C-alpha atoms as a PDB file:
ATOM      1  CA  MET A   1       0.311   0.045  -0.216  1.00  0.00           C
ATOM      2  CA  LYS A   2       1.350   3.549  -0.837  1.00  0.00           C
ATOM      3  CA  ASN A   3       1.672   5.763   1.512  1.00  0.00           C
ATOM      4  CA  GLU A   4      -0.216   8.912   1.811  1.00  0.00           C
ATOM      5  CA  SER A   5       1.462  11.855   2.728  1.00  0.00           C
ATOM      6  CA  MET A   6      -0.573  14.835   5.075  1.00  0.00           C
ATOM      7  CA  ASN A   7      -0.652  16.797   1.854  1.00  0.00           C
ATOM      8  CA  ASP A   8      -2.441  13.885   0.339  1.00  0.00           C
ATOM      9  CA  LEU A   9      -4.966  13.809   3.243  1.00  0.00           C
ATOM     10  CA  SER A  10      -5.554  17.693   3.301  1.00  0.00           C
ATOM     11  CA  GLN A  11      -6.658  18.021   0.095  1.00  0.00           C
ATOM     12  CA  SER A  12      -9.464  15.978  -0.635  1.00  0.00           C
ATOM     13  CA  THR A  13     -12.438  15.827  -3.596  1.00  0.00           C
ATOM     14  CA  LEU A  14     -14.412  16.990  -1.008  1.00  0.00           C
ATOM     15  CA  ASP A  15     -12.437  20.227  -0.554  1.00  0.00           C
ATOM     16  CA  THR A  16     -13.390  20.962  -4.163  1.00  0.00           C
ATOM     17  CA  LEU A  17     -17.166  20.605  -4.300  1.00  0.00           C
ATOM     18  CA  LEU A  18     -18.993  23.207  -5.706  1.00  0.00           C
ATOM     19  CA  PRO A  19     -21.685  25.246  -3.609  1.00  0.00           C
ATOM     20  CA  GLU A  20     -24.477  23.468  -5.119  1.00  0.00           C
ATOM     21  CA  ASP A  21     -22.896  20.463  -4.298  1.00  0.00           C
ATOM     22  CA  VAL A  22     -22.683  20.957  -0.479  1.00  0.00           C
ATOM     23  CA  ASN A  23     -25.865  23.584  -0.092  1.00  0.00           C
ATOM     24  CA  TYR A  24     -28.486  20.705  -0.211  1.00  0.00           C
ATOM     25  CA  ASP A  25     -32.551  21.166   0.582  1.00  0.00           C
ATOM     26  CA  PRO A  26     -32.985  20.029   4.055  1.00  0.00           C
ATOM     27  CA  GLY A  27     -36.018  18.952   3.993  1.00  0.00           C
ATOM     28  CA  GLN A  28     -34.354  16.104   2.485  1.00  0.00           C
ATOM     29  CA  PHE A  29     -33.846  15.148   6.016  1.00  0.00           C
ATOM     30  CA  GLU A  30     -36.871  15.727   7.764  1.00  0.00           C
ATOM     31  CA  THR A  31     -38.230  12.087   8.712  1.00  0.00           C
ATOM     32  CA  LEU A  32     -34.896  11.866  10.364  1.00  0.00           C
ATOM     33  CA  LYS A  33     -35.852  12.092  14.522  1.00  0.00           C
ATOM     34  CA  PRO A  34     -34.570  10.375  17.368  1.00  0.00           C
ATOM     35  CA  GLY A  35     -36.386   7.076  17.323  1.00  0.00           C
ATOM     36  CA  TYR A  36     -36.183   6.803  13.766  1.00  0.00           C
ATOM     37  CA  LEU A  37     -35.255   3.778  12.583  1.00  0.00           C
ATOM     38  CA  PHE A  38     -32.376   3.467  10.077  1.00  0.00           C
ATOM     39  CA  GLY A  39     -30.067   0.765   7.990  1.00  0.00           C
ATOM     40  CA  GLU A  40     -31.511  -1.925   5.400  1.00  0.00           C
ATOM     41  CA  PHE A  41     -32.842  -3.983   8.384  1.00  0.00           C
ATOM     42  CA  GLN A  42     -33.887  -1.133  10.538  1.00  0.00           C
ATOM     43  CA  ASN A  43     -31.079  -1.940  12.944  1.00  0.00           C
ATOM     44  CA  TYR A  44     -29.817   1.946  14.024  1.00  0.00           C
ATOM     45  CA  ARG A  45     -32.400   3.945  15.908  1.00  0.00           C
ATOM     46  CA  LEU A  46     -31.473   7.505  15.534  1.00  0.00           C
ATOM     47  CA  GLU A  47     -31.223   9.052  19.224  1.00  0.00           C
ATOM     48  CA  LYS A  48     -29.454  12.492  18.762  1.00  0.00           C
ATOM     49  CA  LYS A  49     -28.337  14.700  15.803  1.00  0.00           C
ATOM     50  CA  ILE A  50     -25.274  15.939  16.953  1.00  0.00           C
ATOM     51  CA  GLY A  51     -23.902  17.652  13.602  1.00  0.00           C
ATOM     52  CA  GLU A  52     -24.652  19.433  10.465  1.00  0.00           C
ATOM     53  CA  GLY A  53     -22.674  20.520   7.580  1.00  0.00           C
ATOM     54  CA  GLY A  54     -22.070  20.491   3.665  1.00  0.00           C
ATOM     55  CA  MET A  55     -22.362  16.836   3.309  1.00  0.00           C
ATOM     56  CA  GLY A  56     -25.288  15.668   5.683  1.00  0.00           C
ATOM     57  CA  GLN A  57     -25.881  15.092   9.235  1.00  0.00           C
ATOM     58  CA  THR A  58     -24.256  12.912  11.747  1.00  0.00           C
ATOM     59  CA  TRP A  59     -26.189  11.349  13.929  1.00  0.00           C
ATOM     60  CA  LEU A  60     -25.730   9.613  17.850  1.00  0.00           C
ATOM     61  CA  ALA A  61     -27.707   6.012  17.172  1.00  0.00           C
ATOM     62  CA  MET A  62     -27.957   2.993  19.119  1.00  0.00           C
ATOM     63  CA  LYS A  63     -27.407  -0.382  16.870  1.00  0.00           C
ATOM     64  CA  VAL A  64     -30.230  -3.044  17.789  1.00  0.00           C
ATOM     65  CA  SER A  65     -30.362  -6.369  17.248  1.00  0.00           C
ATOM     66  CA  GLY A  66     -33.647  -8.809  18.335  1.00  0.00           C
ATOM     67  CA  GLY A  67     -35.211  -5.780  20.058  1.00  0.00           C
ATOM     68  CA  GLU A  68     -32.305  -5.251  22.264  1.00  0.00           C
ATOM     69  CA  ASP A  69     -29.714  -2.356  22.239  1.00  0.00           C
ATOM     70  CA  VAL A  70     -26.897  -3.626  21.011  1.00  0.00           C
ATOM     71  CA  GLN A  71     -23.783  -0.806  20.682  1.00  0.00           C
ATOM     72  CA  GLN A  72     -24.081   2.703  20.827  1.00  0.00           C
ATOM     73  CA  VAL A  73     -22.678   4.066  17.267  1.00  0.00           C
ATOM     74  CA  VAL A  74     -22.441   7.523  14.982  1.00  0.00           C
ATOM     75  CA  CYS A  75     -24.375   7.388  11.534  1.00  0.00           C
ATOM     76  CA  LYS A  76     -23.302   9.567   9.284  1.00  0.00           C
ATOM     77  CA  ILE A  77     -26.114  10.438   6.333  1.00  0.00           C
ATOM     78  CA  LEU A  78     -25.131  11.840   3.690  1.00  0.00           C
ATOM     79  CA  SER A  79     -27.197  14.343   1.448  1.00  0.00           C
ATOM     80  CA  ASP A  80     -28.487  13.045  -1.738  1.00  0.00           C
ATOM     81  CA  ARG A  81     -26.094  15.835  -4.217  1.00  0.00           C
ATOM     82  CA  ILE A  82     -22.455  13.910  -2.298  1.00  0.00           C
ATOM     83  CA  ARG A  83     -24.666  10.738  -2.949  1.00  0.00           C
ATOM     84  CA  GLU A  84     -25.044  11.097  -6.619  1.00  0.00           C
ATOM     85  CA  ASN A  85     -21.595  12.999  -6.948  1.00  0.00           C
ATOM     86  CA  ALA A  86     -19.608  10.064  -8.253  1.00  0.00           C
ATOM     87  CA  GLY A  87     -16.064  12.091  -7.428  1.00  0.00           C
ATOM     88  CA  ALA A  88     -17.743  12.631  -4.068  1.00  0.00           C
ATOM     89  CA  MET A  89     -18.698   9.479  -3.262  1.00  0.00           C
ATOM     90  CA  SER A  90     -15.190   7.797  -3.799  1.00  0.00           C
ATOM     91  CA  GLU A  91     -13.344  10.447  -1.381  1.00  0.00           C
ATOM     92  CA  VAL A  92     -15.790   9.409   1.012  1.00  0.00           C
ATOM     93  CA  GLN A  93     -14.904   5.653   0.519  1.00  0.00           C
ATOM     94  CA  ARG A  94     -11.653   6.584   0.878  1.00  0.00           C
ATOM     95  CA  VAL A  95     -11.316   8.396   3.922  1.00  0.00           C
ATOM     96  CA  PHE A  96     -13.771   5.885   5.241  1.00  0.00           C
ATOM     97  CA  ASP A  97     -11.278   3.132   4.368  1.00  0.00           C
ATOM     98  CA  LEU A  98      -8.334   5.410   5.914  1.00  0.00           C
ATOM     99  CA  THR A  99      -9.998   6.092   8.872  1.00  0.00           C
ATOM    100  CA  LYS A 100     -10.738   2.132   8.996  1.00  0.00           C
ATOM    101  CA  LYS A 101      -6.944   1.841   9.657  1.00  0.00           C
ATOM    102  CA  ALA A 102      -6.673   4.441  12.404  1.00  0.00           C
ATOM    103  CA  PHE A 103      -6.616   3.759  16.515  1.00  0.00           C
ATOM    104  CA  HIS A 104      -6.826   6.498  18.343  1.00  0.00           C
ATOM    105  CA  GLN A 105      -9.159   7.327  21.604  1.00  0.00           C
ATOM    106  CA  ASN A 106     -10.557  10.750  19.801  1.00  0.00           C
ATOM    107  CA  ILE A 107     -11.796   8.372  16.489  1.00  0.00           C
ATOM    108  CA  CYS A 108     -14.459   6.845  16.374  1.00  0.00           C
ATOM    109  CA  PRO A 109     -13.959   3.741  14.109  1.00  0.00           C
ATOM    110  CA  PRO A 110     -15.925   2.976  11.209  1.00  0.00           C
ATOM    111  CA  ARG A 111     -17.817  -0.407  11.266  1.00  0.00           C
ATOM    112  CA  SER A 112     -19.764  -0.708   8.303  1.00  0.00           C
ATOM    113  CA  ARG A 113     -21.326   1.649   5.127  1.00  0.00           C
ATOM    114  CA  ILE A 114     -25.281   1.248   4.521  1.00  0.00           C
ATOM    115  CA  VAL A 115     -26.849   1.950   1.598  1.00  0.00           C
ATOM    116  CA  THR A 116     -30.599   2.083   2.009  1.00  0.00           C
ATOM    117  CA  ASN A 117     -33.730   2.473  -0.684  1.00  0.00           C
ATOM    118  CA  ILE A 118     -34.051   6.279   1.048  1.00  0.00           C
ATOM    119  CA  PHE A 119     -30.376   7.421   1.870  1.00  0.00           C
ATOM    120  CA  GLY A 120     -28.787   5.698  -0.786  1.00  0.00           C
ATOM    121  CA  PRO A 121     -27.669   5.830  -5.009  1.00  0.00           C
ATOM    122  CA  ARG A 122     -31.111   7.305  -6.639  1.00  0.00           C
ATOM    123  CA  ASN A 123     -32.033   4.876  -9.229  1.00  0.00           C
ATOM    124  CA  GLU A 124     -33.277   7.758 -12.115  1.00  0.00           C
END
């Protein structure tokens, strides 16, 4: 694997997105509220919105299995504009893969990448 320099990490495709790519319609997230079940098997329960920015929203959530709370997680829910931009999605995947390899007390380790019929690629 090629080592990435700090310059490679600081400049990404996401930095070059146009304002219309990151100024999304917040109405697309109206259904997201505490208690909303998220994921292919509706096995993530959103608890609290902890952030919102150019890429979408970030939520504190609980992974649920068999009706039992299993693990507290963070869900990053991308805007439709980011999901529709192949370059941006490639960069999201690159950062996801890079972060999976990082271990630090202040880094929330990525566990999985989920695509749902509501918050996944559009089929138009």
